[in-house]
């Protein structure tokens, strides 16, 4: 079982930046895709960005040009650099990782991001 721990959330003013980190404890598993999802109050969890093991990234339209996902395979880490934050980015952000080759998914506990003046 892969365990994930997120960090880096907090309170930031509109237009500000935050960097989220997620550490995967793999117990010998190989990690395939890693990604970030978010869930705002009263809304469904949605994809923010996903990155393949080879570094290919996909973003939600709402964050394109503002957010950047990256990973360090040697450290089993995935990052989300969030710039030009807006109030609508306020949510709990979750890290997700898929094992290879089973594609069994693991989730982190979530980290709160609040964008407010």
PDB file of N, CA and C in Angstrom:
ATOM      1  N   UNK A   1       0.851  -1.195   0.000  1.00  0.00           N
ATOM      2  CA  UNK A   1       0.000   0.000   0.000  1.00  0.00           C
ATOM      3  C   UNK A   1       0.882   1.240   0.000  1.00  0.00           C
ATOM      4  N   UNK A   2       0.578   2.147  -0.904  1.00  0.00           N
ATOM      5  CA  UNK A   2       1.305   3.409  -0.968  1.00  0.00           C
ATOM      6  C   UNK A   2       0.651   4.403  -0.022  1.00  0.00           C
ATOM      7  N   UNK A   3       1.454   5.060   0.780  1.00  0.00           N
ATOM      8  CA  UNK A   3       0.940   6.098   1.676  1.00  0.00           C
ATOM      9  C   UNK A   3       1.445   7.452   1.210  1.00  0.00           C
ATOM     10  N   UNK A   4       0.556   8.443   1.266  1.00  0.00           N
ATOM     11  CA  UNK A   4       0.853   9.772   0.756  1.00  0.00           C
ATOM     12  C   UNK A   4       0.638  10.801   1.847  1.00  0.00           C
ATOM     13  N   UNK A   5       1.561  11.755   1.939  1.00  0.00           N
ATOM     14  CA  UNK A   5       1.448  12.827   2.917  1.00  0.00           C
ATOM     15  C   UNK A   5       1.661  14.151   2.201  1.00  0.00           C
ATOM     16  N   UNK A   6       0.624  15.016   2.250  1.00  0.00           N
ATOM     17  CA  UNK A   6       0.717  16.334   1.622  1.00  0.00           C
ATOM     18  C   UNK A   6       1.186  17.382   2.626  1.00  0.00           C
ATOM     19  N   UNK A   7       1.762  18.445   2.098  1.00  0.00           N
ATOM     20  CA  UNK A   7       2.134  19.590   2.924  1.00  0.00           C
ATOM     21  C   UNK A   7       2.159  20.834   2.051  1.00  0.00           C
ATOM     22  N   UNK A   8       2.154  21.995   2.694  1.00  0.00           N
ATOM     23  CA  UNK A   8       2.308  23.247   1.967  1.00  0.00           C
ATOM     24  C   UNK A   8       1.062  24.086   1.841  1.00  0.00           C
ATOM     25  N   UNK A   9      -0.079  23.602   2.313  1.00  0.00           N
ATOM     26  CA  UNK A   9      -1.286  24.398   2.237  1.00  0.00           C
ATOM     27  C   UNK A   9      -1.245  25.565   3.214  1.00  0.00           C
ATOM     28  N   UNK A  10      -2.257  26.419   3.118  1.00  0.00           N
ATOM     29  CA  UNK A  10      -2.332  27.553   4.027  1.00  0.00           C
ATOM     30  C   UNK A  10      -3.243  28.636   3.495  1.00  0.00           C
ATOM     31  N   UNK A  11      -3.121  29.796   4.124  1.00  0.00           N
ATOM     32  CA  UNK A  11      -3.915  30.962   3.755  1.00  0.00           C
ATOM     33  C   UNK A  11      -3.056  31.904   2.928  1.00  0.00           C
ATOM     34  N   UNK A  12      -3.584  32.352   1.804  1.00  0.00           N
ATOM     35  CA  UNK A  12      -2.837  33.258   0.923  1.00  0.00           C
ATOM     36  C   UNK A  12      -3.813  34.272   0.341  1.00  0.00           C
ATOM     37  N   UNK A  13      -3.309  35.449   0.050  1.00  0.00           N
ATOM     38  CA  UNK A  13      -4.147  36.477  -0.547  1.00  0.00           C
ATOM     39  C   UNK A  13      -4.328  36.232  -2.039  1.00  0.00           C
ATOM     40  N   UNK A  14      -5.414  36.721  -2.607  1.00  0.00           N
ATOM     41  CA  UNK A  14      -5.583  36.609  -4.060  1.00  0.00           C
ATOM     42  C   UNK A  14      -4.375  37.180  -4.795  1.00  0.00           C
ATOM     43  N   UNK A  15      -3.956  36.456  -5.828  1.00  0.00           N
ATOM     44  CA  UNK A  15      -2.762  36.835  -6.569  1.00  0.00           C
ATOM     45  C   UNK A  15      -1.484  36.238  -6.029  1.00  0.00           C
ATOM     46  N   UNK A  16      -1.552  35.632  -4.879  1.00  0.00           N
ATOM     47  CA  UNK A  16      -0.372  35.051  -4.257  1.00  0.00           C
ATOM     48  C   UNK A  16      -0.048  33.666  -4.788  1.00  0.00           C
ATOM     49  N   UNK A  17       0.969  33.066  -4.167  1.00  0.00           N
ATOM     50  CA  UNK A  17       1.464  31.753  -4.601  1.00  0.00           C
ATOM     51  C   UNK A  17       1.606  30.811  -3.419  1.00  0.00           C
ATOM     52  N   UNK A  18       1.473  29.532  -3.707  1.00  0.00           N
ATOM     53  CA  UNK A  18       1.742  28.463  -2.745  1.00  0.00           C
ATOM     54  C   UNK A  18       2.338  27.289  -3.503  1.00  0.00           C
ATOM     55  N   UNK A  19       3.132  26.498  -2.792  1.00  0.00           N
ATOM     56  CA  UNK A  19       3.684  25.270  -3.371  1.00  0.00           C
ATOM     57  C   UNK A  19       3.298  24.104  -2.484  1.00  0.00           C
ATOM     58  N   UNK A  20       2.564  23.165  -3.059  1.00  0.00           N
ATOM     59  CA  UNK A  20       2.184  21.950  -2.351  1.00  0.00           C
ATOM     60  C   UNK A  20       3.181  20.843  -2.654  1.00  0.00           C
ATOM     61  N   UNK A  21       3.425  20.025  -1.642  1.00  0.00           N
ATOM     62  CA  UNK A  21       4.314  18.866  -1.806  1.00  0.00           C
ATOM     63  C   UNK A  21       3.585  17.619  -1.346  1.00  0.00           C
ATOM     64  N   UNK A  22       3.951  16.501  -1.937  1.00  0.00           N
ATOM     65  CA  UNK A  22       3.372  15.214  -1.546  1.00  0.00           C
ATOM     66  C   UNK A  22       4.468  14.165  -1.596  1.00  0.00           C
ATOM     67  N   UNK A  23       4.637  13.485  -0.473  1.00  0.00           N
ATOM     68  CA  UNK A  23       5.634  12.433  -0.354  1.00  0.00           C
ATOM     69  C   UNK A  23       4.942  11.081  -0.360  1.00  0.00           C
ATOM     70  N   UNK A  24       5.396  10.192  -1.248  1.00  0.00           N
ATOM     71  CA  UNK A  24       4.845   8.846  -1.323  1.00  0.00           C
ATOM     72  C   UNK A  24       5.780   7.862  -0.647  1.00  0.00           C
ATOM     73  N   UNK A  25       5.242   7.099   0.278  1.00  0.00           N
ATOM     74  CA  UNK A  25       5.969   5.979   0.863  1.00  0.00           C
ATOM     75  C   UNK A  25       5.526   4.734   0.126  1.00  0.00           C
ATOM     76  N   UNK A  26       6.409   4.179  -0.691  1.00  0.00           N
ATOM     77  CA  UNK A  26       5.974   3.219  -1.700  1.00  0.00           C
ATOM     78  C   UNK A  26       6.003   1.765  -1.253  1.00  0.00           C
ATOM     79  N   UNK A  27       6.720   1.438  -0.186  1.00  0.00           N
ATOM     80  CA  UNK A  27       6.817   0.043   0.270  1.00  0.00           C
ATOM     81  C   UNK A  27       7.207  -0.883  -0.878  1.00  0.00           C
ATOM     82  N   UNK A  28       8.063  -0.390  -1.750  1.00  0.00           N
ATOM     83  CA  UNK A  28       8.550  -1.223  -2.842  1.00  0.00           C
ATOM     84  C   UNK A  28       7.742  -1.141  -4.119  1.00  0.00           C
ATOM     85  N   UNK A  29       6.583  -0.468  -4.073  1.00  0.00           N
ATOM     86  CA  UNK A  29       5.773  -0.345  -5.278  1.00  0.00           C
ATOM     87  C   UNK A  29       6.374   0.716  -6.201  1.00  0.00           C
ATOM     88  N   UNK A  30       6.147   0.520  -7.496  1.00  0.00           N
ATOM     89  CA  UNK A  30       6.495   1.540  -8.477  1.00  0.00           C
ATOM     90  C   UNK A  30       5.286   2.439  -8.669  1.00  0.00           C
ATOM     91  N   UNK A  31       5.531   3.749  -8.685  1.00  0.00           N
ATOM     92  CA  UNK A  31       4.448   4.708  -8.856  1.00  0.00           C
ATOM     93  C   UNK A  31       4.326   5.089 -10.320  1.00  0.00           C
ATOM     94  N   UNK A  32       3.139   5.000 -10.849  1.00  0.00           N
ATOM     95  CA  UNK A  32       2.873   5.420 -12.228  1.00  0.00           C
ATOM     96  C   UNK A  32       2.458   6.897 -12.194  1.00  0.00           C
ATOM     97  N   UNK A  33       1.225   7.207 -12.562  1.00  0.00           N
ATOM     98  CA  UNK A  33       0.775   8.594 -12.553  1.00  0.00           C
ATOM     99  C   UNK A  33       0.625   9.119 -11.130  1.00  0.00           C
ATOM    100  N   UNK A  34       0.930  10.397 -10.964  1.00  0.00           N
ATOM    101  CA  UNK A  34       0.662  11.102  -9.705  1.00  0.00           C
ATOM    102  C   UNK A  34      -0.130  12.358 -10.055  1.00  0.00           C
ATOM    103  N   UNK A  35      -0.963  12.772  -9.131  1.00  0.00           N
ATOM    104  CA  UNK A  35      -1.774  13.940  -9.458  1.00  0.00           C
ATOM    105  C   UNK A  35      -2.278  14.667  -8.236  1.00  0.00           C
ATOM    106  N   UNK A  36      -2.861  15.827  -8.522  1.00  0.00           N
ATOM    107  CA  UNK A  36      -3.496  16.652  -7.500  1.00  0.00           C
ATOM    108  C   UNK A  36      -4.963  16.842  -7.857  1.00  0.00           C
ATOM    109  N   UNK A  37      -5.801  16.683  -6.868  1.00  0.00           N
ATOM    110  CA  UNK A  37      -7.232  16.908  -6.990  1.00  0.00           C
ATOM    111  C   UNK A  37      -7.633  17.894  -5.903  1.00  0.00           C
ATOM    112  N   UNK A  38      -8.803  18.482  -6.047  1.00  0.00           N
ATOM    113  CA  UNK A  38      -9.278  19.388  -5.010  1.00  0.00           C
ATOM    114  C   UNK A  38     -10.783  19.246  -4.842  1.00  0.00           C
ATOM    115  N   UNK A  39     -11.219  19.584  -3.630  1.00  0.00           N
ATOM    116  CA  UNK A  39     -12.641  19.526  -3.321  1.00  0.00           C
ATOM    117  C   UNK A  39     -13.013  20.746  -2.503  1.00  0.00           C
ATOM    118  N   UNK A  40     -13.866  21.570  -3.087  1.00  0.00           N
ATOM    119  CA  UNK A  40     -14.378  22.745  -2.392  1.00  0.00           C
ATOM    120  C   UNK A  40     -15.656  22.358  -1.654  1.00  0.00           C
ATOM    121  N   UNK A  41     -16.036  23.118  -0.616  1.00  0.00           N
ATOM    122  CA  UNK A  41     -17.255  22.805   0.142  1.00  0.00           C
ATOM    123  C   UNK A  41     -18.474  22.723  -0.769  1.00  0.00           C
ATOM    124  N   UNK A  42     -19.220  21.629  -0.637  1.00  0.00           N
ATOM    125  CA  UNK A  42     -20.434  21.464  -1.414  1.00  0.00           C
ATOM    126  C   UNK A  42     -20.225  21.044  -2.855  1.00  0.00           C
ATOM    127  N   UNK A  43     -18.974  20.780  -3.233  1.00  0.00           N
ATOM    128  CA  UNK A  43     -18.678  20.398  -4.614  1.00  0.00           C
ATOM    129  C   UNK A  43     -18.003  19.041  -4.658  1.00  0.00           C
ATOM    130  N   UNK A  44     -18.018  18.451  -5.850  1.00  0.00           N
ATOM    131  CA  UNK A  44     -17.348  17.168  -6.029  1.00  0.00           C
ATOM    132  C   UNK A  44     -15.842  17.366  -6.168  1.00  0.00           C
ATOM    133  N   UNK A  45     -15.106  16.333  -5.839  1.00  0.00           N
ATOM    134  CA  UNK A  45     -13.655  16.364  -6.029  1.00  0.00           C
ATOM    135  C   UNK A  45     -13.362  16.433  -7.529  1.00  0.00           C
ATOM    136  N   UNK A  46     -12.406  17.283  -7.891  1.00  0.00           N
ATOM    137  CA  UNK A  46     -12.090  17.470  -9.299  1.00  0.00           C
ATOM    138  C   UNK A  46     -10.588  17.391  -9.527  1.00  0.00           C
ATOM    139  N   UNK A  47     -10.241  16.996 -10.745  1.00  0.00           N
ATOM    140  CA  UNK A  47      -8.846  16.941 -11.136  1.00  0.00           C
ATOM    141  C   UNK A  47      -8.280  18.348 -11.274  1.00  0.00           C
ATOM    142  N   UNK A  48      -7.085  18.540 -10.729  1.00  0.00           N
ATOM    143  CA  UNK A  48      -6.346  19.784 -10.923  1.00  0.00           C
ATOM    144  C   UNK A  48      -5.242  19.566 -11.954  1.00  0.00           C
ATOM    145  N   UNK A  49      -4.405  18.573 -11.705  1.00  0.00           N
ATOM    146  CA  UNK A  49      -3.301  18.282 -12.618  1.00  0.00           C
ATOM    147  C   UNK A  49      -2.816  16.864 -12.358  1.00  0.00           C
ATOM    148  N   UNK A  50      -2.322  16.228 -13.401  1.00  0.00           N
ATOM    149  CA  UNK A  50      -1.766  14.887 -13.283  1.00  0.00           C
ATOM    150  C   UNK A  50      -0.476  14.837 -14.091  1.00  0.00           C
ATOM    151  N   UNK A  51       0.478  14.040 -13.622  1.00  0.00           N
ATOM    152  CA  UNK A  51       1.768  13.920 -14.300  1.00  0.00           C
ATOM    153  C   UNK A  51       2.155  12.456 -14.385  1.00  0.00           C
ATOM    154  N   UNK A  52       2.601  12.048 -15.560  1.00  0.00           N
ATOM    155  CA  UNK A  52       3.041  10.669 -15.751  1.00  0.00           C
ATOM    156  C   UNK A  52       4.443  10.475 -15.183  1.00  0.00           C
ATOM    157  N   UNK A  53       4.858   9.235 -15.111  1.00  0.00           N
ATOM    158  CA  UNK A  53       6.197   8.953 -14.605  1.00  0.00           C
ATOM    159  C   UNK A  53       7.260   9.590 -15.507  1.00  0.00           C
ATOM    160  N   UNK A  54       6.938   9.707 -16.782  1.00  0.00           N
ATOM    161  CA  UNK A  54       7.865  10.305 -17.736  1.00  0.00           C
ATOM    162  C   UNK A  54       7.824  11.826 -17.766  1.00  0.00           C
ATOM    163  N   UNK A  55       6.893  12.423 -17.031  1.00  0.00           N
ATOM    164  CA  UNK A  55       6.860  13.882 -16.927  1.00  0.00           C
ATOM    165  C   UNK A  55       5.786  14.564 -17.756  1.00  0.00           C
ATOM    166  N   UNK A  56       4.967  13.807 -18.457  1.00  0.00           N
ATOM    167  CA  UNK A  56       3.888  14.417 -19.212  1.00  0.00           C
ATOM    168  C   UNK A  56       2.794  14.905 -18.282  1.00  0.00           C
ATOM    169  N   UNK A  57       2.349  16.148 -18.473  1.00  0.00           N
ATOM    170  CA  UNK A  57       1.390  16.763 -17.547  1.00  0.00           C
ATOM    171  C   UNK A  57       0.094  17.153 -18.250  1.00  0.00           C
ATOM    172  N   UNK A  58      -0.986  17.044 -17.496  1.00  0.00           N
ATOM    173  CA  UNK A  58      -2.312  17.462 -17.953  1.00  0.00           C
ATOM    174  C   UNK A  58      -2.928  18.329 -16.864  1.00  0.00           C
ATOM    175  N   UNK A  59      -3.595  19.399 -17.289  1.00  0.00           N
ATOM    176  CA  UNK A  59      -4.163  20.352 -16.340  1.00  0.00           C
ATOM    177  C   UNK A  59      -5.651  20.573 -16.597  1.00  0.00           C
ATOM    178  N   UNK A  60      -6.366  20.891 -15.529  1.00  0.00           N
ATOM    179  CA  UNK A  60      -7.731  21.378 -15.679  1.00  0.00           C
ATOM    180  C   UNK A  60      -7.666  22.740 -16.360  1.00  0.00           C
ATOM    181  N   UNK A  61      -8.670  23.036 -17.174  1.00  0.00           N
ATOM    182  CA  UNK A  61      -8.690  24.321 -17.884  1.00  0.00           C
ATOM    183  C   UNK A  61      -8.616  25.494 -16.912  1.00  0.00           C
ATOM    184  N   UNK A  62      -9.209  25.333 -15.747  1.00  0.00           N
ATOM    185  CA  UNK A  62      -9.296  26.435 -14.793  1.00  0.00           C
ATOM    186  C   UNK A  62      -7.950  26.830 -14.194  1.00  0.00           C
ATOM    187  N   UNK A  63      -6.946  25.959 -14.321  1.00  0.00           N
ATOM    188  CA  UNK A  63      -5.641  26.271 -13.711  1.00  0.00           C
ATOM    189  C   UNK A  63      -4.516  26.389 -14.735  1.00  0.00           C
ATOM    190  N   UNK A  64      -4.819  26.144 -16.001  1.00  0.00           N
ATOM    191  CA  UNK A  64      -3.784  26.233 -17.034  1.00  0.00           C
ATOM    192  C   UNK A  64      -3.156  27.619 -17.049  1.00  0.00           C
ATOM    193  N   UNK A  65      -1.839  27.633 -17.114  1.00  0.00           N
ATOM    194  CA  UNK A  65      -1.112  28.894 -17.140  1.00  0.00           C
ATOM    195  C   UNK A  65      -0.840  29.478 -15.764  1.00  0.00           C
ATOM    196  N   UNK A  66      -1.448  28.919 -14.729  1.00  0.00           N
ATOM    197  CA  UNK A  66      -1.244  29.409 -13.362  1.00  0.00           C
ATOM    198  C   UNK A  66      -0.574  28.378 -12.466  1.00  0.00           C
ATOM    199  N   UNK A  67      -0.900  27.115 -12.682  1.00  0.00           N
ATOM    200  CA  UNK A  67      -0.363  26.031 -11.847  1.00  0.00           C
ATOM    201  C   UNK A  67       0.636  25.211 -12.656  1.00  0.00           C
ATOM    202  N   UNK A  68       1.604  24.624 -11.962  1.00  0.00           N
ATOM    203  CA  UNK A  68       2.574  23.737 -12.600  1.00  0.00           C
ATOM    204  C   UNK A  68       2.821  22.528 -11.708  1.00  0.00           C
ATOM    205  N   UNK A  69       2.660  21.346 -12.283  1.00  0.00           N
ATOM    206  CA  UNK A  69       2.916  20.111 -11.551  1.00  0.00           C
ATOM    207  C   UNK A  69       4.281  19.575 -11.953  1.00  0.00           C
ATOM    208  N   UNK A  70       4.977  19.003 -10.987  1.00  0.00           N
ATOM    209  CA  UNK A  70       6.278  18.390 -11.261  1.00  0.00           C
ATOM    210  C   UNK A  70       6.472  17.222 -10.299  1.00  0.00           C
ATOM    211  N   UNK A  71       7.462  16.383 -10.599  1.00  0.00           N
ATOM    212  CA  UNK A  71       7.717  15.238  -9.717  1.00  0.00           C
ATOM    213  C   UNK A  71       9.190  14.908  -9.717  1.00  0.00           C
ATOM    214  N   UNK A  72       9.581  14.249  -8.648  1.00  0.00           N
ATOM    215  CA  UNK A  72      10.944  13.744  -8.493  1.00  0.00           C
ATOM    216  C   UNK A  72      10.816  12.253  -8.226  1.00  0.00           C
ATOM    217  N   UNK A  73      11.056  11.448  -9.252  1.00  0.00           N
ATOM    218  CA  UNK A  73      10.855  10.003  -9.115  1.00  0.00           C
ATOM    219  C   UNK A  73      11.822   9.385  -8.100  1.00  0.00           C
ATOM    220  N   UNK A  74      13.015   9.921  -8.013  1.00  0.00           N
ATOM    221  CA  UNK A  74      13.997   9.365  -7.085  1.00  0.00           C
ATOM    222  C   UNK A  74      13.556   9.551  -5.638  1.00  0.00           C
ATOM    223  N   UNK A  75      12.837  10.651  -5.371  1.00  0.00           N
ATOM    224  CA  UNK A  75      12.377  10.944  -4.008  1.00  0.00           C
ATOM    225  C   UNK A  75      10.917  10.563  -3.803  1.00  0.00           C
ATOM    226  N   UNK A  76      10.256  10.079  -4.844  1.00  0.00           N
ATOM    227  CA  UNK A  76       8.820   9.759  -4.764  1.00  0.00           C
ATOM    228  C   UNK A  76       8.014  10.964  -4.290  1.00  0.00           C
ATOM    229  N   UNK A  77       8.307  12.093  -4.901  1.00  0.00           N
ATOM    230  CA  UNK A  77       7.641  13.348  -4.540  1.00  0.00           C
ATOM    231  C   UNK A  77       6.911  13.906  -5.761  1.00  0.00           C
ATOM    232  N   UNK A  78       5.791  14.572  -5.483  1.00  0.00           N
ATOM    233  CA  UNK A  78       5.101  15.342  -6.508  1.00  0.00           C
ATOM    234  C   UNK A  78       4.798  16.715  -5.917  1.00  0.00           C
ATOM    235  N   UNK A  79       4.878  17.726  -6.776  1.00  0.00           N
ATOM    236  CA  UNK A  79       4.714  19.102  -6.336  1.00  0.00           C
ATOM    237  C   UNK A  79       3.642  19.792  -7.173  1.00  0.00           C
ATOM    238  N   UNK A  80       3.042  20.817  -6.572  1.00  0.00           N
ATOM    239  CA  UNK A  80       2.115  21.665  -7.310  1.00  0.00           C
ATOM    240  C   UNK A  80       2.438  23.118  -6.980  1.00  0.00           C
ATOM    241  N   UNK A  81       2.999  23.824  -7.956  1.00  0.00           N
ATOM    242  CA  UNK A  81       3.264  25.241  -7.803  1.00  0.00           C
ATOM    243  C   UNK A  81       2.031  25.997  -8.266  1.00  0.00           C
ATOM    244  N   UNK A  82       1.465  26.777  -7.360  1.00  0.00           N
ATOM    245  CA  UNK A  82       0.229  27.500  -7.658  1.00  0.00           C
ATOM    246  C   UNK A  82       0.500  28.995  -7.611  1.00  0.00           C
ATOM    247  N   UNK A  83       0.328  29.650  -8.744  1.00  0.00           N
ATOM    248  CA  UNK A  83       0.542  31.086  -8.854  1.00  0.00           C
ATOM    249  C   UNK A  83      -0.761  31.787  -9.213  1.00  0.00           C
ATOM    250  N   UNK A  84      -0.781  33.088  -9.026  1.00  0.00           N
ATOM    251  CA  UNK A  84      -1.963  33.899  -9.366  1.00  0.00           C
ATOM    252  C   UNK A  84      -3.231  33.285  -8.793  1.00  0.00           C
ATOM    253  N   UNK A  85      -3.170  32.943  -7.522  1.00  0.00           N
ATOM    254  CA  UNK A  85      -4.289  32.246  -6.888  1.00  0.00           C
ATOM    255  C   UNK A  85      -5.527  33.133  -6.820  1.00  0.00           C
ATOM    256  N   UNK A  86      -6.667  32.473  -6.976  1.00  0.00           N
ATOM    257  CA  UNK A  86      -7.961  33.136  -6.944  1.00  0.00           C
ATOM    258  C   UNK A  86      -8.803  32.557  -5.808  1.00  0.00           C
ATOM    259  N   UNK A  87      -9.825  33.282  -5.409  1.00  0.00           N
ATOM    260  CA  UNK A  87     -10.680  32.797  -4.330  1.00  0.00           C
ATOM    261  C   UNK A  87     -11.313  31.454  -4.687  1.00  0.00           C
ATOM    262  N   UNK A  88     -11.585  31.267  -5.978  1.00  0.00           N
ATOM    263  CA  UNK A  88     -12.207  30.002  -6.392  1.00  0.00           C
ATOM    264  C   UNK A  88     -11.247  28.818  -6.345  1.00  0.00           C
ATOM    265  N   UNK A  89      -9.984  29.061  -6.051  1.00  0.00           N
ATOM    266  CA  UNK A  89      -9.032  27.964  -5.857  1.00  0.00           C
ATOM    267  C   UNK A  89      -9.091  27.418  -4.432  1.00  0.00           C
ATOM    268  N   UNK A  90      -9.860  28.066  -3.574  1.00  0.00           N
ATOM    269  CA  UNK A  90     -10.006  27.599  -2.197  1.00  0.00           C
ATOM    270  C   UNK A  90     -10.625  26.210  -2.160  1.00  0.00           C
ATOM    271  N   UNK A  91      -9.942  25.280  -1.519  1.00  0.00           N
ATOM    272  CA  UNK A  91     -10.394  23.894  -1.474  1.00  0.00           C
ATOM    273  C   UNK A  91      -9.424  23.093  -0.623  1.00  0.00           C
ATOM    274  N   UNK A  92      -9.822  21.855  -0.346  1.00  0.00           N
ATOM    275  CA  UNK A  92      -8.873  20.884   0.192  1.00  0.00           C
ATOM    276  C   UNK A  92      -8.218  20.202  -1.011  1.00  0.00           C
ATOM    277  N   UNK A  93      -6.901  20.187  -1.024  1.00  0.00           N
ATOM    278  CA  UNK A  93      -6.145  19.606  -2.130  1.00  0.00           C
ATOM    279  C   UNK A  93      -5.624  18.234  -1.716  1.00  0.00           C
ATOM    280  N   UNK A  94      -5.870  17.248  -2.579  1.00  0.00           N
ATOM    281  CA  UNK A  94      -5.490  15.870  -2.311  1.00  0.00           C
ATOM    282  C   UNK A  94      -4.467  15.395  -3.337  1.00  0.00           C
ATOM    283  N   UNK A  95      -3.500  14.657  -2.861  1.00  0.00           N
ATOM    284  CA  UNK A  95      -2.524  14.001  -3.710  1.00  0.00           C
ATOM    285  C   UNK A  95      -3.012  12.581  -4.006  1.00  0.00           C
ATOM    286  N   UNK A  96      -2.785  12.143  -5.218  1.00  0.00           N
ATOM    287  CA  UNK A  96      -3.172  10.790  -5.631  1.00  0.00           C
ATOM    288  C   UNK A  96      -2.008  10.142  -6.346  1.00  0.00           C
ATOM    289  N   UNK A  97      -1.815   8.857  -6.095  1.00  0.00           N
ATOM    290  CA  UNK A  97      -0.769   8.106  -6.793  1.00  0.00           C
ATOM    291  C   UNK A  97      -1.308   6.752  -7.206  1.00  0.00           C
ATOM    292  N   UNK A  98      -0.892   6.305  -8.372  1.00  0.00           N
ATOM    293  CA  UNK A  98      -1.319   4.999  -8.876  1.00  0.00           C
ATOM    294  C   UNK A  98      -0.121   4.066  -8.920  1.00  0.00           C
ATOM    295  N   UNK A  99      -0.331   2.855  -8.445  1.00  0.00           N
ATOM    296  CA  UNK A  99       0.720   1.845  -8.473  1.00  0.00           C
ATOM    297  C   UNK A  99       0.839   1.272  -9.887  1.00  0.00           C
ATOM    298  N   UNK A 100       2.041   0.887 -10.217  1.00  0.00           N
ATOM    299  CA  UNK A 100       2.293   0.190 -11.477  1.00  0.00           C
ATOM    300  C   UNK A 100       2.641  -1.266 -11.186  1.00  0.00           C
ATOM    301  N   UNK A 101       2.036  -2.246 -11.909  1.00  0.00           N
ATOM    302  CA  UNK A 101       1.116  -2.086 -13.044  1.00  0.00           C
ATOM    303  C   UNK A 101      -0.359  -2.196 -12.669  1.00  0.00           C
ATOM    304  N   UNK A 102      -0.675  -2.359 -11.391  1.00  0.00           N
ATOM    305  CA  UNK A 102      -2.064  -2.618 -11.013  1.00  0.00           C
ATOM    306  C   UNK A 102      -2.964  -1.401 -11.163  1.00  0.00           C
ATOM    307  N   UNK A 103      -2.368  -0.182 -11.140  1.00  0.00           N
ATOM    308  CA  UNK A 103      -3.109   1.084 -11.187  1.00  0.00           C
ATOM    309  C   UNK A 103      -4.019   1.276  -9.987  1.00  0.00           C
ATOM    310  N   UNK A 104      -3.777   0.537  -8.906  1.00  0.00           N
ATOM    311  CA  UNK A 104      -4.484   0.776  -7.654  1.00  0.00           C
ATOM    312  C   UNK A 104      -4.119   2.165  -7.167  1.00  0.00           C
ATOM    313  N   UNK A 105      -5.129   2.943  -6.786  1.00  0.00           N
ATOM    314  CA  UNK A 105      -4.905   4.331  -6.405  1.00  0.00           C
ATOM    315  C   UNK A 105      -4.858   4.500  -4.894  1.00  0.00           C
ATOM    316  N   UNK A 106      -3.975   5.391  -4.465  1.00  0.00           N
ATOM    317  CA  UNK A 106      -3.897   5.789  -3.065  1.00  0.00           C
ATOM    318  C   UNK A 106      -4.082   7.295  -2.985  1.00  0.00           C
ATOM    319  N   UNK A 107      -4.649   7.748  -1.865  1.00  0.00           N
ATOM    320  CA  UNK A 107      -4.919   9.171  -1.660  1.00  0.00           C
ATOM    321  C   UNK A 107      -4.257   9.658  -0.379  1.00  0.00           C
ATOM    322  N   UNK A 108      -3.857  10.919  -0.402  1.00  0.00           N
ATOM    323  CA  UNK A 108      -3.388  11.541   0.821  1.00  0.00           C
ATOM    324  C   UNK A 108      -4.554  12.043   1.648  1.00  0.00           C
ATOM    325  N   UNK A 109      -4.238  12.625   2.806  1.00  0.00           N
ATOM    326  CA  UNK A 109      -5.277  13.060   3.733  1.00  0.00           C
ATOM    327  C   UNK A 109      -5.822  14.436   3.379  1.00  0.00           C
ATOM    328  N   UNK A 110      -5.128  15.144   2.495  1.00  0.00           N
ATOM    329  CA  UNK A 110      -5.591  16.456   2.061  1.00  0.00           C
ATOM    330  C   UNK A 110      -4.918  17.591   2.815  1.00  0.00           C
ATOM    331  N   UNK A 111      -4.776  18.713   2.138  1.00  0.00           N
ATOM    332  CA  UNK A 111      -4.238  19.925   2.757  1.00  0.00           C
ATOM    333  C   UNK A 111      -5.105  21.104   2.317  1.00  0.00           C
ATOM    334  N   UNK A 112      -5.450  21.942   3.276  1.00  0.00           N
ATOM    335  CA  UNK A 112      -6.365  23.053   3.004  1.00  0.00           C
ATOM    336  C   UNK A 112      -5.624  24.216   2.357  1.00  0.00           C
ATOM    337  N   UNK A 113      -6.191  24.722   1.273  1.00  0.00           N
ATOM    338  CA  UNK A 113      -5.713  25.953   0.639  1.00  0.00           C
ATOM    339  C   UNK A 113      -6.859  26.956   0.680  1.00  0.00           C
ATOM    340  N   UNK A 114      -6.601  28.101   1.303  1.00  0.00           N
ATOM    341  CA  UNK A 114      -7.606  29.152   1.399  1.00  0.00           C
ATOM    342  C   UNK A 114      -7.057  30.426   0.776  1.00  0.00           C
ATOM    343  N   UNK A 115      -7.777  30.940  -0.210  1.00  0.00           N
ATOM    344  CA  UNK A 115      -7.372  32.170  -0.890  1.00  0.00           C
ATOM    345  C   UNK A 115      -8.375  33.259  -0.499  1.00  0.00           C
ATOM    346  N   UNK A 116      -7.899  34.207   0.294  1.00  0.00           N
ATOM    347  CA  UNK A 116      -8.789  35.224   0.825  1.00  0.00           C
ATOM    348  C   UNK A 116      -7.997  36.445   1.243  1.00  0.00           C
ATOM    349  N   UNK A 117      -8.623  37.601   1.095  1.00  0.00           N
ATOM    350  CA  UNK A 117      -7.980  38.833   1.550  1.00  0.00           C
ATOM    351  C   UNK A 117      -8.401  39.145   2.977  1.00  0.00           C
TER     352      UNK A 117
END
